[in-house]
Amino acid sequence: MDHYAGKLVVHGLRSYFQLNAAALRPIWNSDHIRDIHIEMTEKATLQNRVHYFDSAGIIRDVMVNHLQLLLNIAPPLVVGQYDEFATHYQDEMGRSLDESGHFTPTAAMVELRSSLQTWSNSTFRLAAAKATEKRVLTVVITFTQETFPAGNSAPCRLTVTIQQGHNADTRHSHRIEWSCDVSNVLSPLNLPENWEYSDTHDHRVITPTKPNLQTVKASSWDLGDELSA
């Protein structure tokens, strides 16, 4: 089982959908959802991991396990490689990257279409990259303009933030957020257990209830210095 299945927000998102199935099911199709974009970027380079990564690449390392947990996979449309990878390859493999005889992608993006009638008009995108400016894992669901039409200048989005930088404030790194007020279209949405509104006067953003750090330290697994793992 992919360890990303155990992440706090993945559990919360599953519960959120289950609790609000009756409200969300009528709009959970391509008549209302324009696209779903799942993106994972990491600041870490592949220094000291080249030997493994050279045979896997970003697609097998990230997209066919971590991101496939949330969607599916197909041949990539776009691949890339960060500039320092050649140096890291030389240091670890003892030969130049030009001698490898193949291209190891450290970034990739794929765009998918579903053969199911329910999703025939929606686009699904997966993107992953190493050595980026920031570390983030998000799922962004963009609805059609007509789904939530209350004068919004941009289409409404549901953004699920699963992780951000190491030791990031969990109020920002773990959250489920609507970009618009959905109360005129959807019945009141239920909160997963141990989640709360970020602002009691604005129900667009929910986050996990802030844990008691003493309890966390006493009972959780050792995750190094990353409380938001």
C-alpha atoms as a PDB file:
ATOM      1  CA  MET A   1       0.000   0.000   0.000  1.00  0.00           C
ATOM      2  CA  ASP A   2       1.281   3.473  -0.863  1.00  0.00           C
ATOM      3  CA  HIS A   3       2.230   5.356   2.289  1.00  0.00           C
ATOM      4  CA  TYR A   4       0.524   8.475   0.920  1.00  0.00           C
ATOM      5  CA  ALA A   5      -2.771   6.726   1.664  1.00  0.00           C
ATOM      6  CA  GLY A   6      -1.975   7.343   5.325  1.00  0.00           C
ATOM      7  CA  LYS A   7      -1.572  11.100   5.022  1.00  0.00           C
ATOM      8  CA  LEU A   8      -3.887  13.117   7.242  1.00  0.00           C
ATOM      9  CA  VAL A   9      -5.556  15.088   4.447  1.00  0.00           C
ATOM     10  CA  VAL A  10      -6.099  11.986   2.288  1.00  0.00           C
ATOM     11  CA  HIS A  11      -8.048  10.457   5.179  1.00  0.00           C
ATOM     12  CA  GLY A  12      -9.902  13.729   5.706  1.00  0.00           C
ATOM     13  CA  LEU A  13     -10.763  14.075   2.022  1.00  0.00           C
ATOM     14  CA  ARG A  14     -12.138  10.540   1.867  1.00  0.00           C
ATOM     15  CA  SER A  15     -14.300  11.218   4.909  1.00  0.00           C
ATOM     16  CA  TYR A  16     -15.377  14.613   3.507  1.00  0.00           C
ATOM     17  CA  PHE A  17     -16.627  12.998   0.304  1.00  0.00           C
ATOM     18  CA  GLN A  18     -18.371  10.179   2.154  1.00  0.00           C
ATOM     19  CA  LEU A  19     -20.141  12.521   4.574  1.00  0.00           C
ATOM     20  CA  ASN A  20     -21.254  14.853   1.777  1.00  0.00           C
ATOM     21  CA  ALA A  21     -21.969  12.322  -0.956  1.00  0.00           C
ATOM     22  CA  ALA A  22     -25.628  13.326  -1.333  1.00  0.00           C
ATOM     23  CA  ALA A  23     -24.709  16.996  -1.828  1.00  0.00           C
ATOM     24  CA  LEU A  24     -21.667  16.476  -4.062  1.00  0.00           C
ATOM     25  CA  ARG A  25     -22.785  13.552  -6.226  1.00  0.00           C
ATOM     26  CA  PRO A  26     -25.068  15.650  -8.526  1.00  0.00           C
ATOM     27  CA  ILE A  27     -22.157  17.940  -9.483  1.00  0.00           C
ATOM     28  CA  TRP A  28     -19.439  15.249  -9.547  1.00  0.00           C
ATOM     29  CA  ASN A  29     -19.340  14.725 -13.325  1.00  0.00           C
ATOM     30  CA  SER A  30     -18.065  16.395 -16.473  1.00  0.00           C
ATOM     31  CA  ASP A  31     -21.195  18.526 -16.820  1.00  0.00           C
ATOM     32  CA  HIS A  32     -19.973  20.469 -13.800  1.00  0.00           C
ATOM     33  CA  ILE A  33     -16.234  19.728 -13.412  1.00  0.00           C
ATOM     34  CA  ARG A  34     -13.949  21.206 -16.073  1.00  0.00           C
ATOM     35  CA  ASP A  35     -10.695  19.671 -14.916  1.00  0.00           C
ATOM     36  CA  ILE A  36      -8.868  17.973 -12.044  1.00  0.00           C
ATOM     37  CA  HIS A  37      -5.202  18.821 -11.571  1.00  0.00           C
ATOM     38  CA  ILE A  38      -2.928  16.902  -9.190  1.00  0.00           C
ATOM     39  CA  GLU A  39       0.510  18.403  -8.684  1.00  0.00           C
ATOM     40  CA  MET A  40       3.457  17.357  -6.558  1.00  0.00           C
ATOM     41  CA  THR A  41       6.672  19.371  -6.463  1.00  0.00           C
ATOM     42  CA  GLU A  42       9.692  18.942  -4.200  1.00  0.00           C
ATOM     43  CA  LYS A  43      12.562  21.281  -3.385  1.00  0.00           C
ATOM     44  CA  ALA A  44      14.885  18.304  -2.845  1.00  0.00           C
ATOM     45  CA  THR A  45      17.237  17.369  -5.658  1.00  0.00           C
ATOM     46  CA  LEU A  46      18.337  13.823  -6.469  1.00  0.00           C
ATOM     47  CA  GLN A  47      21.795  14.215  -5.006  1.00  0.00           C
ATOM     48  CA  ASN A  48      22.792  10.848  -3.462  1.00  0.00           C
ATOM     49  CA  ARG A  49      19.674   9.199  -4.959  1.00  0.00           C
ATOM     50  CA  VAL A  50      20.712   9.118  -8.613  1.00  0.00           C
ATOM     51  CA  HIS A  51      21.512   5.391  -8.647  1.00  0.00           C
ATOM     52  CA  TYR A  52      17.901   4.521  -7.841  1.00  0.00           C
ATOM     53  CA  PHE A  53      16.262   7.364  -9.702  1.00  0.00           C
ATOM     54  CA  ASP A  54      18.153   6.749 -12.936  1.00  0.00           C
ATOM     55  CA  SER A  55      16.227   3.506 -13.404  1.00  0.00           C
ATOM     56  CA  ALA A  56      12.885   4.858 -12.169  1.00  0.00           C
ATOM     57  CA  GLY A  57      12.538   8.490 -13.209  1.00  0.00           C
ATOM     58  CA  ILE A  58       9.818  10.795 -11.946  1.00  0.00           C
ATOM     59  CA  ILE A  59       7.047   8.780 -13.587  1.00  0.00           C
ATOM     60  CA  ARG A  60       7.695   5.491 -11.780  1.00  0.00           C
ATOM     61  CA  ASP A  61       8.961   7.131  -8.583  1.00  0.00           C
ATOM     62  CA  VAL A  62       6.074   9.528  -8.002  1.00  0.00           C
ATOM     63  CA  MET A  63       3.347   9.404 -10.630  1.00  0.00           C
ATOM     64  CA  VAL A  64       2.681   5.651 -10.755  1.00  0.00           C
ATOM     65  CA  ASN A  65       2.383   5.292  -7.001  1.00  0.00           C
ATOM     66  CA  HIS A  66       1.794   8.481  -5.016  1.00  0.00           C
ATOM     67  CA  LEU A  67      -0.299  10.309  -7.627  1.00  0.00           C
ATOM     68  CA  GLN A  68      -1.876   7.191  -9.081  1.00  0.00           C
ATOM     69  CA  LEU A  69      -3.408   6.732  -5.653  1.00  0.00           C
ATOM     70  CA  LEU A  70      -5.650   9.668  -6.592  1.00  0.00           C
ATOM     71  CA  LEU A  71      -5.949   9.123 -10.339  1.00  0.00           C
ATOM     72  CA  ASN A  72      -4.481   6.990 -13.138  1.00  0.00           C
ATOM     73  CA  ILE A  73      -1.501   7.197 -15.466  1.00  0.00           C
ATOM     74  CA  ALA A  74      -0.668   7.294 -19.181  1.00  0.00           C
ATOM     75  CA  PRO A  75       2.416   8.140 -21.267  1.00  0.00           C
ATOM     76  CA  PRO A  76       3.591  11.668 -20.395  1.00  0.00           C
ATOM     77  CA  LEU A  77       2.983  14.652 -22.638  1.00  0.00           C
ATOM     78  CA  VAL A  78       5.849  16.712 -21.263  1.00  0.00           C
ATOM     79  CA  VAL A  79       9.075  15.636 -19.549  1.00  0.00           C
ATOM     80  CA  GLY A  80      12.026  17.630 -18.269  1.00  0.00           C
ATOM     81  CA  GLN A  81      15.219  17.437 -16.241  1.00  0.00           C
ATOM     82  CA  TYR A  82      16.634  19.958 -13.772  1.00  0.00           C
ATOM     83  CA  ASP A  83      19.999  21.518 -14.643  1.00  0.00           C
ATOM     84  CA  GLU A  84      22.085  20.092 -11.804  1.00  0.00           C
ATOM     85  CA  PHE A  85      21.048  16.497 -12.499  1.00  0.00           C
ATOM     86  CA  ALA A  86      24.032  16.008 -14.829  1.00  0.00           C
ATOM     87  CA  THR A  87      26.411  16.966 -12.010  1.00  0.00           C
ATOM     88  CA  HIS A  88      24.645  14.721  -9.502  1.00  0.00           C
ATOM     89  CA  TYR A  89      24.718  11.880 -12.030  1.00  0.00           C
ATOM     90  CA  GLN A  90      28.443  12.299 -12.605  1.00  0.00           C
ATOM     91  CA  ASP A  91      29.218  12.390  -8.868  1.00  0.00           C
ATOM     92  CA  GLU A  92      27.238   9.260  -8.040  1.00  0.00           C
ATOM     93  CA  MET A  93      27.566   7.123 -11.159  1.00  0.00           C
ATOM     94  CA  GLY A  94      31.197   7.972 -11.999  1.00  0.00           C
ATOM     95  CA  ARG A  95      30.496   8.789 -15.629  1.00  0.00           C
ATOM     96  CA  SER A  96      28.933  11.626 -17.571  1.00  0.00           C
ATOM     97  CA  LEU A  97      25.216  11.811 -18.184  1.00  0.00           C
ATOM     98  CA  ASP A  98      25.866  11.783 -21.930  1.00  0.00           C
ATOM     99  CA  GLU A  99      27.276   8.255 -21.564  1.00  0.00           C
ATOM    100  CA  SER A 100      24.115   6.880 -19.951  1.00  0.00           C
ATOM    101  CA  GLY A 101      22.403   6.343 -23.277  1.00  0.00           C
ATOM    102  CA  HIS A 102      18.988   7.367 -22.009  1.00  0.00           C
ATOM    103  CA  PHE A 103      17.055  10.350 -20.663  1.00  0.00           C
ATOM    104  CA  THR A 104      15.955  10.273 -17.006  1.00  0.00           C
ATOM    105  CA  PRO A 105      13.000  12.628 -16.466  1.00  0.00           C
ATOM    106  CA  THR A 106      12.972  14.537 -13.187  1.00  0.00           C
ATOM    107  CA  ALA A 107       9.763  16.381 -14.126  1.00  0.00           C
ATOM    108  CA  ALA A 108       6.702  15.248 -16.055  1.00  0.00           C
ATOM    109  CA  MET A 109       3.158  16.287 -16.835  1.00  0.00           C
ATOM    110  CA  VAL A 110       0.412  14.105 -18.288  1.00  0.00           C
ATOM    111  CA  GLU A 111      -3.065  15.028 -19.488  1.00  0.00           C
ATOM    112  CA  LEU A 112      -5.751  12.358 -19.495  1.00  0.00           C
ATOM    113  CA  ARG A 113      -9.251  11.922 -20.823  1.00  0.00           C
ATOM    114  CA  SER A 114     -11.703   9.363 -19.500  1.00  0.00           C
ATOM    115  CA  SER A 115     -13.582   6.889 -21.680  1.00  0.00           C
ATOM    116  CA  LEU A 116     -16.447   6.942 -19.174  1.00  0.00           C
ATOM    117  CA  GLN A 117     -19.426   8.989 -20.320  1.00  0.00           C
ATOM    118  CA  THR A 118     -19.689  10.595 -16.875  1.00  0.00           C
ATOM    119  CA  TRP A 119     -16.244  12.174 -17.301  1.00  0.00           C
ATOM    120  CA  SER A 120     -16.027  12.529 -21.079  1.00  0.00           C
ATOM    121  CA  ASN A 121     -15.807  16.337 -21.027  1.00  0.00           C
ATOM    122  CA  SER A 122     -13.366  16.669 -18.115  1.00  0.00           C
ATOM    123  CA  THR A 123      -9.584  16.879 -18.290  1.00  0.00           C
ATOM    124  CA  PHE A 124      -7.329  15.159 -15.755  1.00  0.00           C
ATOM    125  CA  ARG A 125      -3.751  16.349 -15.272  1.00  0.00           C
ATOM    126  CA  LEU A 126      -0.888  14.930 -13.229  1.00  0.00           C
ATOM    127  CA  ALA A 127       2.340  16.850 -12.706  1.00  0.00           C
ATOM    128  CA  ALA A 128       5.435  16.065 -10.639  1.00  0.00           C
ATOM    129  CA  ALA A 129       8.905  17.572 -10.405  1.00  0.00           C
ATOM    130  CA  LYS A 130      12.093  17.499  -8.351  1.00  0.00           C
ATOM    131  CA  ALA A 131      14.363  20.457  -7.454  1.00  0.00           C
ATOM    132  CA  THR A 132      11.614  23.095  -7.611  1.00  0.00           C
ATOM    133  CA  GLU A 133      11.324  26.342  -5.669  1.00  0.00           C
ATOM    134  CA  LYS A 134       8.718  24.910  -3.290  1.00  0.00           C
ATOM    135  CA  ARG A 135       7.413  21.637  -1.924  1.00  0.00           C
ATOM    136  CA  VAL A 136       3.692  21.090  -2.406  1.00  0.00           C
ATOM    137  CA  LEU A 137       1.126  18.394  -3.107  1.00  0.00           C
ATOM    138  CA  THR A 138      -2.297  19.630  -4.137  1.00  0.00           C
ATOM    139  CA  VAL A 139      -5.453  18.456  -5.858  1.00  0.00           C
ATOM    140  CA  VAL A 140      -7.330  21.268  -7.630  1.00  0.00           C
ATOM    141  CA  ILE A 141     -10.831  20.615  -8.951  1.00  0.00           C
ATOM    142  CA  THR A 142     -12.092  23.372 -11.261  1.00  0.00           C
ATOM    143  CA  PHE A 143     -15.824  23.596 -11.835  1.00  0.00           C
ATOM    144  CA  THR A 144     -17.578  25.047 -14.849  1.00  0.00           C
ATOM    145  CA  GLN A 145     -18.671  28.673 -14.622  1.00  0.00           C
ATOM    146  CA  GLU A 146     -22.307  27.560 -14.672  1.00  0.00           C
ATOM    147  CA  THR A 147     -22.029  25.288 -11.621  1.00  0.00           C
ATOM    148  CA  PHE A 148     -21.533  28.139  -9.126  1.00  0.00           C
ATOM    149  CA  PRO A 149     -22.631  31.186 -11.150  1.00  0.00           C
ATOM    150  CA  ALA A 150     -23.152  33.741  -8.365  1.00  0.00           C
ATOM    151  CA  GLY A 151     -21.211  36.554 -10.046  1.00  0.00           C
ATOM    152  CA  ASN A 152     -17.840  34.835  -9.746  1.00  0.00           C
ATOM    153  CA  SER A 153     -15.278  36.312 -12.140  1.00  0.00           C
ATOM    154  CA  ALA A 154     -13.315  33.029 -12.172  1.00  0.00           C
ATOM    155  CA  PRO A 155     -14.551  29.437 -12.070  1.00  0.00           C
ATOM    156  CA  CYS A 156     -14.967  28.038  -8.577  1.00  0.00           C
ATOM    157  CA  ARG A 157     -12.206  25.683  -7.405  1.00  0.00           C
ATOM    158  CA  LEU A 158     -11.963  23.102  -4.663  1.00  0.00           C
ATOM    159  CA  THR A 159      -8.313  22.932  -3.600  1.00  0.00           C
ATOM    160  CA  VAL A 160      -7.044  20.140  -1.382  1.00  0.00           C
ATOM    161  CA  THR A 161      -3.594  20.828   0.068  1.00  0.00           C
ATOM    162  CA  ILE A 162      -2.012  17.571   1.245  1.00  0.00           C
ATOM    163  CA  GLN A 163       1.494  18.778   2.045  1.00  0.00           C
ATOM    164  CA  GLN A 164       3.752  21.816   1.875  1.00  0.00           C
ATOM    165  CA  GLY A 165       7.219  22.592   3.178  1.00  0.00           C
ATOM    166  CA  HIS A 166       8.852  20.686   6.013  1.00  0.00           C
ATOM    167  CA  ASN A 167       7.445  21.757   9.377  1.00  0.00           C
ATOM    168  CA  ALA A 168       4.945  24.057   7.656  1.00  0.00           C
ATOM    169  CA  ASP A 169       2.038  25.390   9.689  1.00  0.00           C
ATOM    170  CA  THR A 170      -0.603  22.666   9.347  1.00  0.00           C
ATOM    171  CA  ARG A 171      -3.294  25.344   8.990  1.00  0.00           C
ATOM    172  CA  HIS A 172      -1.747  26.028   5.576  1.00  0.00           C
ATOM    173  CA  SER A 173      -0.245  22.660   4.643  1.00  0.00           C
ATOM    174  CA  HIS A 174      -3.340  20.586   5.486  1.00  0.00           C
ATOM    175  CA  ARG A 175      -6.569  22.107   4.225  1.00  0.00           C
ATOM    176  CA  ILE A 176      -9.650  21.701   2.028  1.00  0.00           C
ATOM    177  CA  GLU A 177     -10.676  25.017   0.501  1.00  0.00           C
ATOM    178  CA  TRP A 178     -13.459  26.278  -1.747  1.00  0.00           C
ATOM    179  CA  SER A 179     -12.603  29.451  -3.662  1.00  0.00           C
ATOM    180  CA  CYS A 180     -16.231  30.550  -3.724  1.00  0.00           C
ATOM    181  CA  ASP A 181     -19.346  30.470  -1.559  1.00  0.00           C
ATOM    182  CA  VAL A 182     -21.142  27.220  -2.466  1.00  0.00           C
ATOM    183  CA  SER A 183     -23.985  27.575   0.031  1.00  0.00           C
ATOM    184  CA  ASN A 184     -26.443  28.771  -2.623  1.00  0.00           C
ATOM    185  CA  VAL A 185     -25.963  25.560  -4.621  1.00  0.00           C
ATOM    186  CA  LEU A 186     -25.061  22.889  -2.069  1.00  0.00           C
ATOM    187  CA  SER A 187     -26.749  21.953   1.184  1.00  0.00           C
ATOM    188  CA  PRO A 188     -24.580  22.549   4.289  1.00  0.00           C
ATOM    189  CA  LEU A 189     -21.482  20.365   4.095  1.00  0.00           C
ATOM    190  CA  ASN A 190     -20.432  18.174   7.018  1.00  0.00           C
ATOM    191  CA  LEU A 191     -16.942  18.268   8.514  1.00  0.00           C
ATOM    192  CA  PRO A 192     -14.815  15.144   8.930  1.00  0.00           C
ATOM    193  CA  GLU A 193     -14.064  14.133  12.497  1.00  0.00           C
ATOM    194  CA  ASN A 194     -11.333  16.280  14.067  1.00  0.00           C
ATOM    195  CA  TRP A 195     -11.599  18.969  11.372  1.00  0.00           C
ATOM    196  CA  GLU A 196     -12.822  22.529  11.868  1.00  0.00           C
ATOM    197  CA  TYR A 197     -13.530  25.745   9.998  1.00  0.00           C
ATOM    198  CA  SER A 198     -10.471  27.934   9.620  1.00  0.00           C
ATOM    199  CA  ASP A 199     -12.769  30.906  10.232  1.00  0.00           C
ATOM    200  CA  THR A 200     -16.068  30.349  12.021  1.00  0.00           C
ATOM    201  CA  HIS A 201     -17.602  33.141   9.931  1.00  0.00           C
ATOM    202  CA  ASP A 202     -16.342  31.767   6.609  1.00  0.00           C
ATOM    203  CA  HIS A 203     -17.076  28.125   5.857  1.00  0.00           C
ATOM    204  CA  ARG A 204     -15.024  27.895   2.668  1.00  0.00           C
ATOM    205  CA  VAL A 205     -11.876  26.541   4.367  1.00  0.00           C
ATOM    206  CA  ILE A 206     -11.538  23.588   6.733  1.00  0.00           C
ATOM    207  CA  THR A 207      -8.390  22.322   8.449  1.00  0.00           C
ATOM    208  CA  PRO A 208      -7.578  19.564  10.928  1.00  0.00           C
ATOM    209  CA  THR A 209      -8.118  20.472  14.551  1.00  0.00           C
ATOM    210  CA  LYS A 210      -4.776  21.605  15.924  1.00  0.00           C
ATOM    211  CA  PRO A 211      -3.317  18.620  17.822  1.00  0.00           C
ATOM    212  CA  ASN A 212      -2.029  18.670  21.345  1.00  0.00           C
ATOM    213  CA  LEU A 213       1.714  18.545  20.698  1.00  0.00           C
ATOM    214  CA  GLN A 214       2.394  16.726  23.953  1.00  0.00           C
ATOM    215  CA  THR A 215      -0.009  13.974  22.885  1.00  0.00           C
ATOM    216  CA  VAL A 216       1.475  13.865  19.382  1.00  0.00           C
ATOM    217  CA  LYS A 217       5.023  13.530  20.698  1.00  0.00           C
ATOM    218  CA  ALA A 218       3.999  10.755  23.059  1.00  0.00           C
ATOM    219  CA  SER A 219       1.920   8.688  20.650  1.00  0.00           C
ATOM    220  CA  SER A 220       2.962   9.282  17.012  1.00  0.00           C
ATOM    221  CA  TRP A 221       5.595   7.507  14.986  1.00  0.00           C
ATOM    222  CA  ASP A 222       8.984   9.140  14.712  1.00  0.00           C
ATOM    223  CA  LEU A 223       8.755  11.236  11.554  1.00  0.00           C
ATOM    224  CA  GLY A 224      12.041  13.056  12.007  1.00  0.00           C
ATOM    225  CA  ASP A 225      11.676  16.825  12.042  1.00  0.00           C
ATOM    226  CA  GLU A 226       8.614  16.890   9.820  1.00  0.00           C
ATOM    227  CA  LEU A 227       5.407  17.144  11.818  1.00  0.00           C
ATOM    228  CA  SER A 228       3.511  17.611   8.576  1.00  0.00           C
ATOM    229  CA  ALA A 229       4.723  14.322   7.039  1.00  0.00           C
END
